[in-house]
């Protein structure tokens, strides 16, 4: 079936905010064209010095957000909803729509996803790319498909970096809203005893299980279940991870302590800095004490313990 590609063009200054709104409205099938730091990212992430002339010619003052909507989900309604959100937020924009085949958008973003290091220990490798030398790092193989979490977004990066200092050989880990499963897989590769993931999206559950298999992981050490937040979750955990949006973190704050071991740590990200006070208020109301705060490009990650 033909899907609809919605392309939103905004000023580069508004791109991060516009992308956040798009992710809230359509939390899958999204990729962003951002050329503001093209040269730096080419060197640090793609590890290349020679950049294609077509890329260099891109307008750095603009950013493009591509969303892909299935026919069943009413593309016209999605476009109208996003337009209203941008107007309310004072973001100038233009919208273009066209039909596209599934394979056009399920694969075109892969050209921009290259192997890269994270933190001090991990090396993220998309399965369609080869890695000759990982510098002694642990290689995490990933095929995110349409699920969130390939390691490149600041929220995932912050969680992965926090994990490095928290995982032990005895760690039993729970990943709430696991998406692609990258955090749970990383925990096991870093030496955790077990990892359990849960996600409300059936596609994410399937993807997370497959990504475990790509890294040699399976039940009982690595399991993934379908559920909304802590629905279908039982037991107690040393580490609980949640890379989700602020509204979900606030709800989860009221549920998490009954799954957290006495000395356990709750690591949560996906929070834009503008929502920090609301999230901290929810932590305080639910006896969660922030022990560490991490920030990257306007995104926050917190490490919390039970008071």
C-alpha atoms as a PDB file:
ATOM      1  CA  UNK A   1       0.000   0.000   0.000  1.00  0.00           C
ATOM      2  CA  UNK A   2       1.159   3.567  -0.666  1.00  0.00           C
ATOM      3  CA  UNK A   3       2.067   5.626   2.368  1.00  0.00           C
ATOM      4  CA  UNK A   4       2.155   9.424   2.551  1.00  0.00           C
ATOM      5  CA  UNK A   5       5.391  11.295   3.088  1.00  0.00           C
ATOM      6  CA  UNK A   6       4.882  14.627   4.844  1.00  0.00           C
ATOM      7  CA  UNK A   7       7.878  16.959   4.564  1.00  0.00           C
ATOM      8  CA  UNK A   8       7.951  19.925   6.920  1.00  0.00           C
ATOM      9  CA  UNK A   9      10.461  22.708   6.251  1.00  0.00           C
ATOM     10  CA  UNK A  10      11.377  25.046   9.101  1.00  0.00           C
ATOM     11  CA  UNK A  11      14.126  27.462  10.030  1.00  0.00           C
ATOM     12  CA  UNK A  12      17.226  25.720  11.395  1.00  0.00           C
ATOM     13  CA  UNK A  13      16.761  27.731  14.603  1.00  0.00           C
ATOM     14  CA  UNK A  14      13.363  26.067  15.113  1.00  0.00           C
ATOM     15  CA  UNK A  15      14.361  22.576  13.964  1.00  0.00           C
ATOM     16  CA  UNK A  16      14.884  20.933  17.369  1.00  0.00           C
ATOM     17  CA  UNK A  17      11.593  22.249  18.719  1.00  0.00           C
ATOM     18  CA  UNK A  18       9.744  21.343  15.527  1.00  0.00           C
ATOM     19  CA  UNK A  19      11.209  17.821  15.561  1.00  0.00           C
ATOM     20  CA  UNK A  20      10.136  17.368  19.203  1.00  0.00           C
ATOM     21  CA  UNK A  21       6.574  18.298  18.268  1.00  0.00           C
ATOM     22  CA  UNK A  22       6.644  15.910  15.300  1.00  0.00           C
ATOM     23  CA  UNK A  23       7.879  13.065  17.512  1.00  0.00           C
ATOM     24  CA  UNK A  24       5.061  13.733  19.976  1.00  0.00           C
ATOM     25  CA  UNK A  25       2.455  13.759  17.218  1.00  0.00           C
ATOM     26  CA  UNK A  26       3.788  10.853  15.151  1.00  0.00           C
ATOM     27  CA  UNK A  27       6.302   8.891  17.294  1.00  0.00           C
ATOM     28  CA  UNK A  28       7.516   6.578  14.510  1.00  0.00           C
ATOM     29  CA  UNK A  29       8.506   6.768  10.853  1.00  0.00           C
ATOM     30  CA  UNK A  30      10.372  10.071  11.228  1.00  0.00           C
ATOM     31  CA  UNK A  31      13.750  11.293  10.088  1.00  0.00           C
ATOM     32  CA  UNK A  32      15.247  14.767  10.221  1.00  0.00           C
ATOM     33  CA  UNK A  33      17.549  16.468   7.717  1.00  0.00           C
ATOM     34  CA  UNK A  34      19.814  18.736   9.756  1.00  0.00           C
ATOM     35  CA  UNK A  35      22.887  20.207   8.082  1.00  0.00           C
ATOM     36  CA  UNK A  36      23.863  22.765  10.742  1.00  0.00           C
ATOM     37  CA  UNK A  37      26.902  20.786  11.923  1.00  0.00           C
ATOM     38  CA  UNK A  38      27.557  18.770   8.775  1.00  0.00           C
ATOM     39  CA  UNK A  39      31.363  18.908   8.780  1.00  0.00           C
ATOM     40  CA  UNK A  40      31.751  18.194  12.492  1.00  0.00           C
ATOM     41  CA  UNK A  41      29.324  15.262  12.430  1.00  0.00           C
ATOM     42  CA  UNK A  42      30.972  13.841   9.315  1.00  0.00           C
ATOM     43  CA  UNK A  43      34.291  13.742  11.162  1.00  0.00           C
ATOM     44  CA  UNK A  44      33.102  12.621  14.589  1.00  0.00           C
ATOM     45  CA  UNK A  45      30.253  10.239  13.707  1.00  0.00           C
ATOM     46  CA  UNK A  46      30.712   9.053  10.135  1.00  0.00           C
ATOM     47  CA  UNK A  47      34.498   9.364  10.446  1.00  0.00           C
ATOM     48  CA  UNK A  48      34.923  10.802   6.978  1.00  0.00           C
ATOM     49  CA  UNK A  49      36.781  13.886   5.771  1.00  0.00           C
ATOM     50  CA  UNK A  50      35.483  14.001   2.200  1.00  0.00           C
ATOM     51  CA  UNK A  51      31.854  15.140   2.021  1.00  0.00           C
ATOM     52  CA  UNK A  52      29.693  14.801  -1.072  1.00  0.00           C
ATOM     53  CA  UNK A  53      29.253  18.112  -2.922  1.00  0.00           C
ATOM     54  CA  UNK A  54      25.484  17.662  -2.954  1.00  0.00           C
ATOM     55  CA  UNK A  55      25.476  17.571   0.850  1.00  0.00           C
ATOM     56  CA  UNK A  56      27.771  20.574   1.085  1.00  0.00           C
ATOM     57  CA  UNK A  57      25.343  22.529  -1.114  1.00  0.00           C
ATOM     58  CA  UNK A  58      22.433  21.997   1.287  1.00  0.00           C
ATOM     59  CA  UNK A  59      20.828  25.091   2.798  1.00  0.00           C
ATOM     60  CA  UNK A  60      22.171  25.282   6.370  1.00  0.00           C
ATOM     61  CA  UNK A  61      19.499  27.838   7.335  1.00  0.00           C
ATOM     62  CA  UNK A  62      16.697  25.297   6.878  1.00  0.00           C
ATOM     63  CA  UNK A  63      15.825  21.918   8.326  1.00  0.00           C
ATOM     64  CA  UNK A  64      13.478  19.250   6.993  1.00  0.00           C
ATOM     65  CA  UNK A  65      11.365  16.808   8.969  1.00  0.00           C
ATOM     66  CA  UNK A  66      10.055  13.783   7.076  1.00  0.00           C
ATOM     67  CA  UNK A  67       7.114  11.835   8.469  1.00  0.00           C
ATOM     68  CA  UNK A  68       5.537   8.731   6.963  1.00  0.00           C
ATOM     69  CA  UNK A  69       1.873   8.014   7.551  1.00  0.00           C
ATOM     70  CA  UNK A  70       0.003   4.823   6.673  1.00  0.00           C
ATOM     71  CA  UNK A  71      -3.303   5.135   4.799  1.00  0.00           C
ATOM     72  CA  UNK A  72      -5.166   3.725   7.808  1.00  0.00           C
ATOM     73  CA  UNK A  73      -3.987   6.573  10.005  1.00  0.00           C
ATOM     74  CA  UNK A  74      -5.434   9.425   7.937  1.00  0.00           C
ATOM     75  CA  UNK A  75      -2.473  11.404   6.561  1.00  0.00           C
ATOM     76  CA  UNK A  76      -4.629  14.504   6.010  1.00  0.00           C
ATOM     77  CA  UNK A  77      -5.580  14.561   9.674  1.00  0.00           C
ATOM     78  CA  UNK A  78      -1.952  14.131  10.768  1.00  0.00           C
ATOM     79  CA  UNK A  79      -0.877  17.016   8.517  1.00  0.00           C
ATOM     80  CA  UNK A  80      -3.617  19.284   9.851  1.00  0.00           C
ATOM     81  CA  UNK A  81      -2.799  18.379  13.455  1.00  0.00           C
ATOM     82  CA  UNK A  82       0.900  19.153  13.022  1.00  0.00           C
ATOM     83  CA  UNK A  83       0.128  22.434  11.285  1.00  0.00           C
ATOM     84  CA  UNK A  84      -2.006  23.495  14.228  1.00  0.00           C
ATOM     85  CA  UNK A  85       0.698  22.540  16.737  1.00  0.00           C
ATOM     86  CA  UNK A  86       3.317  24.559  14.862  1.00  0.00           C
ATOM     87  CA  UNK A  87       1.039  27.589  14.624  1.00  0.00           C
ATOM     88  CA  UNK A  88       0.382  27.481  18.375  1.00  0.00           C
ATOM     89  CA  UNK A  89       4.130  27.228  18.998  1.00  0.00           C
ATOM     90  CA  UNK A  90       4.931  30.210  16.772  1.00  0.00           C
ATOM     91  CA  UNK A  91       7.005  28.141  14.346  1.00  0.00           C
ATOM     92  CA  UNK A  92       7.001  29.238  10.698  1.00  0.00           C
ATOM     93  CA  UNK A  93       6.798  26.247   8.390  1.00  0.00           C
ATOM     94  CA  UNK A  94       5.793  24.873   5.032  1.00  0.00           C
ATOM     95  CA  UNK A  95       4.317  21.436   4.346  1.00  0.00           C
ATOM     96  CA  UNK A  96       4.633  19.223   1.293  1.00  0.00           C
ATOM     97  CA  UNK A  97       3.016  15.799   0.860  1.00  0.00           C
ATOM     98  CA  UNK A  98       3.516  12.976  -1.614  1.00  0.00           C
ATOM     99  CA  UNK A  99       2.816   9.269  -1.913  1.00  0.00           C
ATOM    100  CA  UNK A 100       5.662   6.804  -1.483  1.00  0.00           C
ATOM    101  CA  UNK A 101       6.210   3.073  -1.371  1.00  0.00           C
ATOM    102  CA  UNK A 102       7.121   1.382   1.910  1.00  0.00           C
ATOM    103  CA  UNK A 103      10.607   0.466   0.751  1.00  0.00           C
ATOM    104  CA  UNK A 104      11.416   4.080  -0.162  1.00  0.00           C
ATOM    105  CA  UNK A 105      11.376   5.338   3.416  1.00  0.00           C
ATOM    106  CA  UNK A 106      12.109   2.162   5.351  1.00  0.00           C
ATOM    107  CA  UNK A 107      15.601   2.115   3.861  1.00  0.00           C
ATOM    108  CA  UNK A 108      16.670   5.586   2.711  1.00  0.00           C
ATOM    109  CA  UNK A 109      17.699   6.771   6.196  1.00  0.00           C
ATOM    110  CA  UNK A 110      20.217   3.933   6.432  1.00  0.00           C
ATOM    111  CA  UNK A 111      22.623   5.869   4.230  1.00  0.00           C
ATOM    112  CA  UNK A 112      23.095   8.328   7.108  1.00  0.00           C
ATOM    113  CA  UNK A 113      23.474   5.777   9.924  1.00  0.00           C
ATOM    114  CA  UNK A 114      27.128   4.785  10.242  1.00  0.00           C
ATOM    115  CA  UNK A 115      29.032   2.888  12.988  1.00  0.00           C
ATOM    116  CA  UNK A 116      30.117   5.125  15.884  1.00  0.00           C
ATOM    117  CA  UNK A 117      31.470   4.918  19.451  1.00  0.00           C
ATOM    118  CA  UNK A 118      29.462   5.831  22.547  1.00  0.00           C
ATOM    119  CA  UNK A 119      30.926   6.510  25.972  1.00  0.00           C
ATOM    120  CA  UNK A 120      34.122   4.660  26.812  1.00  0.00           C
ATOM    121  CA  UNK A 121      33.101   1.072  26.133  1.00  0.00           C
ATOM    122  CA  UNK A 122      30.517   0.703  23.374  1.00  0.00           C
ATOM    123  CA  UNK A 123      30.634   0.801  19.587  1.00  0.00           C
ATOM    124  CA  UNK A 124      27.295   0.928  17.759  1.00  0.00           C
ATOM    125  CA  UNK A 125      27.198  -0.985  14.480  1.00  0.00           C
ATOM    126  CA  UNK A 126      24.182  -0.939  12.145  1.00  0.00           C
ATOM    127  CA  UNK A 127      23.971  -4.450  10.728  1.00  0.00           C
ATOM    128  CA  UNK A 128      24.292  -3.307   7.107  1.00  0.00           C
ATOM    129  CA  UNK A 129      27.706  -1.743   7.848  1.00  0.00           C
ATOM    130  CA  UNK A 130      30.989  -3.586   8.379  1.00  0.00           C
ATOM    131  CA  UNK A 131      33.443  -2.696  11.139  1.00  0.00           C
ATOM    132  CA  UNK A 132      37.132  -3.365  10.639  1.00  0.00           C
ATOM    133  CA  UNK A 133      38.324  -1.972  13.950  1.00  0.00           C
ATOM    134  CA  UNK A 134      36.276  -1.054  17.039  1.00  0.00           C
ATOM    135  CA  UNK A 135      39.275   0.053  19.104  1.00  0.00           C
ATOM    136  CA  UNK A 136      38.763  -2.623  21.729  1.00  0.00           C
ATOM    137  CA  UNK A 137      35.196  -1.506  22.399  1.00  0.00           C
ATOM    138  CA  UNK A 138      32.191  -3.794  22.784  1.00  0.00           C
ATOM    139  CA  UNK A 139      30.333  -3.933  19.459  1.00  0.00           C
ATOM    140  CA  UNK A 140      26.555  -3.599  19.712  1.00  0.00           C
ATOM    141  CA  UNK A 141      24.807  -4.739  16.517  1.00  0.00           C
ATOM    142  CA  UNK A 142      21.575  -2.897  15.814  1.00  0.00           C
ATOM    143  CA  UNK A 143      18.785  -2.946  13.236  1.00  0.00           C
ATOM    144  CA  UNK A 144      16.319  -0.399  14.657  1.00  0.00           C
ATOM    145  CA  UNK A 145      13.835  -0.717  11.808  1.00  0.00           C
ATOM    146  CA  UNK A 146      10.892   1.518  12.666  1.00  0.00           C
ATOM    147  CA  UNK A 147      11.452   1.397  16.436  1.00  0.00           C
ATOM    148  CA  UNK A 148      13.096   4.268  18.305  1.00  0.00           C
ATOM    149  CA  UNK A 149      16.650   3.784  19.535  1.00  0.00           C
ATOM    150  CA  UNK A 150      19.691   3.522  17.298  1.00  0.00           C
ATOM    151  CA  UNK A 151      22.055   5.241  19.733  1.00  0.00           C
ATOM    152  CA  UNK A 152      22.411   8.426  17.734  1.00  0.00           C
ATOM    153  CA  UNK A 153      19.794  10.508  19.539  1.00  0.00           C
ATOM    154  CA  UNK A 154      20.946  12.430  22.610  1.00  0.00           C
ATOM    155  CA  UNK A 155      18.434  10.704  24.873  1.00  0.00           C
ATOM    156  CA  UNK A 156      19.658   7.203  24.008  1.00  0.00           C
ATOM    157  CA  UNK A 157      23.285   8.336  24.136  1.00  0.00           C
ATOM    158  CA  UNK A 158      22.820   9.746  27.649  1.00  0.00           C
ATOM    159  CA  UNK A 159      21.276   6.483  28.873  1.00  0.00           C
ATOM    160  CA  UNK A 160      24.018   4.364  27.339  1.00  0.00           C
ATOM    161  CA  UNK A 161      26.712   6.519  28.910  1.00  0.00           C
ATOM    162  CA  UNK A 162      25.010   6.302  32.310  1.00  0.00           C
ATOM    163  CA  UNK A 163      24.773   2.519  31.987  1.00  0.00           C
ATOM    164  CA  UNK A 164      28.541   2.163  31.735  1.00  0.00           C
ATOM    165  CA  UNK A 165      28.997   3.331  35.315  1.00  0.00           C
ATOM    166  CA  UNK A 166      26.075   1.415  36.781  1.00  0.00           C
ATOM    167  CA  UNK A 167      26.052  -2.123  35.366  1.00  0.00           C
ATOM    168  CA  UNK A 168      27.584  -4.920  37.434  1.00  0.00           C
ATOM    169  CA  UNK A 169      27.682  -8.694  37.017  1.00  0.00           C
ATOM    170  CA  UNK A 170      24.694  -8.951  39.387  1.00  0.00           C
ATOM    171  CA  UNK A 171      22.534  -6.298  37.728  1.00  0.00           C
ATOM    172  CA  UNK A 172      18.977  -7.286  36.868  1.00  0.00           C
ATOM    173  CA  UNK A 173      17.721  -4.665  34.424  1.00  0.00           C
ATOM    174  CA  UNK A 174      14.260  -3.481  33.342  1.00  0.00           C
ATOM    175  CA  UNK A 175      13.858  -1.268  30.257  1.00  0.00           C
ATOM    176  CA  UNK A 176      10.446   0.467  30.156  1.00  0.00           C
ATOM    177  CA  UNK A 177       9.473   1.601  26.667  1.00  0.00           C
ATOM    178  CA  UNK A 178      12.344  -0.391  25.231  1.00  0.00           C
ATOM    179  CA  UNK A 179      11.859   0.559  21.567  1.00  0.00           C
ATOM    180  CA  UNK A 180      14.581  -1.145  19.533  1.00  0.00           C
ATOM    181  CA  UNK A 181      15.910  -2.835  22.690  1.00  0.00           C
ATOM    182  CA  UNK A 182      19.251  -1.045  22.475  1.00  0.00           C
ATOM    183  CA  UNK A 183      19.459  -0.226  26.197  1.00  0.00           C
ATOM    184  CA  UNK A 184      18.664  -3.735  27.394  1.00  0.00           C
ATOM    185  CA  UNK A 185      21.066  -5.254  24.873  1.00  0.00           C
ATOM    186  CA  UNK A 186      23.771  -2.785  25.927  1.00  0.00           C
ATOM    187  CA  UNK A 187      23.258  -3.655  29.598  1.00  0.00           C
ATOM    188  CA  UNK A 188      23.871  -7.345  28.916  1.00  0.00           C
ATOM    189  CA  UNK A 189      26.877  -6.663  26.698  1.00  0.00           C
ATOM    190  CA  UNK A 190      28.281  -4.525  29.521  1.00  0.00           C
ATOM    191  CA  UNK A 191      27.979  -7.514  31.851  1.00  0.00           C
ATOM    192  CA  UNK A 192      24.501  -7.396  33.431  1.00  0.00           C
ATOM    193  CA  UNK A 193      22.972 -10.614  34.754  1.00  0.00           C
ATOM    194  CA  UNK A 194      19.610 -10.233  32.982  1.00  0.00           C
ATOM    195  CA  UNK A 195      17.545  -7.728  31.007  1.00  0.00           C
ATOM    196  CA  UNK A 196      13.788  -7.412  30.624  1.00  0.00           C
ATOM    197  CA  UNK A 197      12.193  -5.019  28.139  1.00  0.00           C
ATOM    198  CA  UNK A 198       8.600  -3.870  27.796  1.00  0.00           C
ATOM    199  CA  UNK A 199       6.950  -1.723  25.121  1.00  0.00           C
ATOM    200  CA  UNK A 200       3.402  -0.839  24.119  1.00  0.00           C
ATOM    201  CA  UNK A 201       4.232  -1.213  20.396  1.00  0.00           C
ATOM    202  CA  UNK A 202       4.114  -4.739  18.945  1.00  0.00           C
ATOM    203  CA  UNK A 203       6.608  -3.761  16.253  1.00  0.00           C
ATOM    204  CA  UNK A 204       9.048  -2.493  18.891  1.00  0.00           C
ATOM    205  CA  UNK A 205       8.761  -5.766  20.817  1.00  0.00           C
ATOM    206  CA  UNK A 206       9.501  -7.763  17.669  1.00  0.00           C
ATOM    207  CA  UNK A 207      12.431  -5.480  16.791  1.00  0.00           C
ATOM    208  CA  UNK A 208      13.884  -5.638  20.311  1.00  0.00           C
ATOM    209  CA  UNK A 209      13.785  -9.435  20.311  1.00  0.00           C
ATOM    210  CA  UNK A 210      15.517  -9.515  16.926  1.00  0.00           C
ATOM    211  CA  UNK A 211      18.203  -7.091  18.094  1.00  0.00           C
ATOM    212  CA  UNK A 212      18.868  -9.358  21.038  1.00  0.00           C
ATOM    213  CA  UNK A 213      19.336 -12.251  18.623  1.00  0.00           C
ATOM    214  CA  UNK A 214      21.748 -10.189  16.513  1.00  0.00           C
ATOM    215  CA  UNK A 215      23.925  -9.862  19.621  1.00  0.00           C
ATOM    216  CA  UNK A 216      23.653 -13.499  20.684  1.00  0.00           C
ATOM    217  CA  UNK A 217      21.062 -12.806  23.402  1.00  0.00           C
ATOM    218  CA  UNK A 218      17.839 -14.681  24.143  1.00  0.00           C
ATOM    219  CA  UNK A 219      15.593 -15.854  26.987  1.00  0.00           C
ATOM    220  CA  UNK A 220      15.887 -16.320  29.873  1.00  0.00           C
ATOM    221  CA  UNK A 221      18.674 -13.741  30.167  1.00  0.00           C
ATOM    222  CA  UNK A 222      17.049 -11.383  27.652  1.00  0.00           C
ATOM    223  CA  UNK A 223      13.257 -11.108  27.415  1.00  0.00           C
ATOM    224  CA  UNK A 224      10.858  -8.559  25.908  1.00  0.00           C
ATOM    225  CA  UNK A 225       7.131  -8.244  26.641  1.00  0.00           C
ATOM    226  CA  UNK A 226       4.198  -6.237  25.318  1.00  0.00           C
ATOM    227  CA  UNK A 227       2.727  -3.739  27.777  1.00  0.00           C
ATOM    228  CA  UNK A 228       2.052  -0.098  28.620  1.00  0.00           C
ATOM    229  CA  UNK A 229       4.771   1.215  30.974  1.00  0.00           C
ATOM    230  CA  UNK A 230       4.904  -1.252  33.897  1.00  0.00           C
ATOM    231  CA  UNK A 231       1.904  -3.258  32.729  1.00  0.00           C
ATOM    232  CA  UNK A 232       2.862  -6.965  32.647  1.00  0.00           C
ATOM    233  CA  UNK A 233       6.005  -6.240  34.704  1.00  0.00           C
ATOM    234  CA  UNK A 234       6.785  -8.144  37.890  1.00  0.00           C
ATOM    235  CA  UNK A 235       9.746  -8.581  40.191  1.00  0.00           C
ATOM    236  CA  UNK A 236      12.412  -6.206  41.515  1.00  0.00           C
ATOM    237  CA  UNK A 237      15.323  -4.724  39.578  1.00  0.00           C
ATOM    238  CA  UNK A 238      18.731  -3.211  40.270  1.00  0.00           C
ATOM    239  CA  UNK A 239      18.465  -0.898  37.278  1.00  0.00           C
ATOM    240  CA  UNK A 240      15.295   0.448  35.694  1.00  0.00           C
ATOM    241  CA  UNK A 241      15.670   2.359  32.424  1.00  0.00           C
ATOM    242  CA  UNK A 242      13.100   4.571  30.732  1.00  0.00           C
ATOM    243  CA  UNK A 243      14.004   6.574  27.632  1.00  0.00           C
ATOM    244  CA  UNK A 244      10.549   8.017  27.032  1.00  0.00           C
ATOM    245  CA  UNK A 245       8.836  11.418  26.901  1.00  0.00           C
ATOM    246  CA  UNK A 246       8.365  13.668  29.940  1.00  0.00           C
ATOM    247  CA  UNK A 247       4.629  12.993  30.315  1.00  0.00           C
ATOM    248  CA  UNK A 248       5.260   9.244  30.486  1.00  0.00           C
ATOM    249  CA  UNK A 249       8.157   9.748  32.933  1.00  0.00           C
ATOM    250  CA  UNK A 250       5.828  11.697  35.232  1.00  0.00           C
ATOM    251  CA  UNK A 251       3.294   8.841  35.190  1.00  0.00           C
ATOM    252  CA  UNK A 252       6.011   6.239  35.610  1.00  0.00           C
ATOM    253  CA  UNK A 253       7.403   8.052  38.659  1.00  0.00           C
ATOM    254  CA  UNK A 254       4.353   6.941  40.605  1.00  0.00           C
ATOM    255  CA  UNK A 255       4.855   3.279  39.658  1.00  0.00           C
ATOM    256  CA  UNK A 256       8.578   2.693  39.626  1.00  0.00           C
ATOM    257  CA  UNK A 257       9.520   2.301  43.289  1.00  0.00           C
ATOM    258  CA  UNK A 258       7.627  -0.955  43.734  1.00  0.00           C
ATOM    259  CA  UNK A 259       9.848  -2.519  41.063  1.00  0.00           C
ATOM    260  CA  UNK A 260      13.107  -1.004  42.317  1.00  0.00           C
ATOM    261  CA  UNK A 261      15.357  -2.895  44.712  1.00  0.00           C
ATOM    262  CA  UNK A 262      16.363  -1.000  47.903  1.00  0.00           C
ATOM    263  CA  UNK A 263      19.717   0.038  46.447  1.00  0.00           C
ATOM    264  CA  UNK A 264      18.443   0.188  42.866  1.00  0.00           C
ATOM    265  CA  UNK A 265      18.806   3.060  40.402  1.00  0.00           C
ATOM    266  CA  UNK A 266      16.178   4.499  38.082  1.00  0.00           C
ATOM    267  CA  UNK A 267      17.698   6.011  34.899  1.00  0.00           C
ATOM    268  CA  UNK A 268      15.322   8.073  32.807  1.00  0.00           C
ATOM    269  CA  UNK A 269      15.798  10.236  29.733  1.00  0.00           C
ATOM    270  CA  UNK A 270      13.788  11.645  26.833  1.00  0.00           C
ATOM    271  CA  UNK A 271      13.082  14.836  28.797  1.00  0.00           C
ATOM    272  CA  UNK A 272      13.505  18.222  27.158  1.00  0.00           C
ATOM    273  CA  UNK A 273      14.970  20.854  29.452  1.00  0.00           C
ATOM    274  CA  UNK A 274      11.769  22.923  29.363  1.00  0.00           C
ATOM    275  CA  UNK A 275       9.971  20.105  31.217  1.00  0.00           C
ATOM    276  CA  UNK A 276      12.619  19.657  33.917  1.00  0.00           C
ATOM    277  CA  UNK A 277      10.713  21.325  36.753  1.00  0.00           C
ATOM    278  CA  UNK A 278       7.608  19.230  36.120  1.00  0.00           C
ATOM    279  CA  UNK A 279       9.612  16.013  36.120  1.00  0.00           C
ATOM    280  CA  UNK A 280      11.551  16.951  39.270  1.00  0.00           C
ATOM    281  CA  UNK A 281       8.264  17.746  41.012  1.00  0.00           C
ATOM    282  CA  UNK A 282       6.968  14.273  40.116  1.00  0.00           C
ATOM    283  CA  UNK A 283      10.184  12.689  41.450  1.00  0.00           C
ATOM    284  CA  UNK A 284       9.838  14.558  44.758  1.00  0.00           C
ATOM    285  CA  UNK A 285       6.166  13.645  45.122  1.00  0.00           C
ATOM    286  CA  UNK A 286       7.036   9.973  44.669  1.00  0.00           C
ATOM    287  CA  UNK A 287      10.104   9.868  46.948  1.00  0.00           C
ATOM    288  CA  UNK A 288      12.649   9.575  44.159  1.00  0.00           C
ATOM    289  CA  UNK A 289      15.964  11.292  44.851  1.00  0.00           C
ATOM    290  CA  UNK A 290      18.033  12.575  41.920  1.00  0.00           C
ATOM    291  CA  UNK A 291      21.656  11.506  42.370  1.00  0.00           C
ATOM    292  CA  UNK A 292      22.976  12.561  38.954  1.00  0.00           C
ATOM    293  CA  UNK A 293      21.793  14.875  36.187  1.00  0.00           C
ATOM    294  CA  UNK A 294      23.114  14.612  32.627  1.00  0.00           C
ATOM    295  CA  UNK A 295      22.445  17.066  29.800  1.00  0.00           C
ATOM    296  CA  UNK A 296      23.135  17.024  26.065  1.00  0.00           C
ATOM    297  CA  UNK A 297      21.839  19.555  23.559  1.00  0.00           C
ATOM    298  CA  UNK A 298      18.758  20.434  25.605  1.00  0.00           C
ATOM    299  CA  UNK A 299      17.886  16.838  26.550  1.00  0.00           C
ATOM    300  CA  UNK A 300      18.108  15.558  30.126  1.00  0.00           C
ATOM    301  CA  UNK A 301      18.820  12.233  31.757  1.00  0.00           C
ATOM    302  CA  UNK A 302      18.426  11.606  35.493  1.00  0.00           C
ATOM    303  CA  UNK A 303      19.727   8.889  37.794  1.00  0.00           C
ATOM    304  CA  UNK A 304      17.423   8.437  40.784  1.00  0.00           C
ATOM    305  CA  UNK A 305      17.192   6.285  43.895  1.00  0.00           C
ATOM    306  CA  UNK A 306      14.310   5.668  46.293  1.00  0.00           C
ATOM    307  CA  UNK A 307      14.472   7.928  49.352  1.00  0.00           C
END
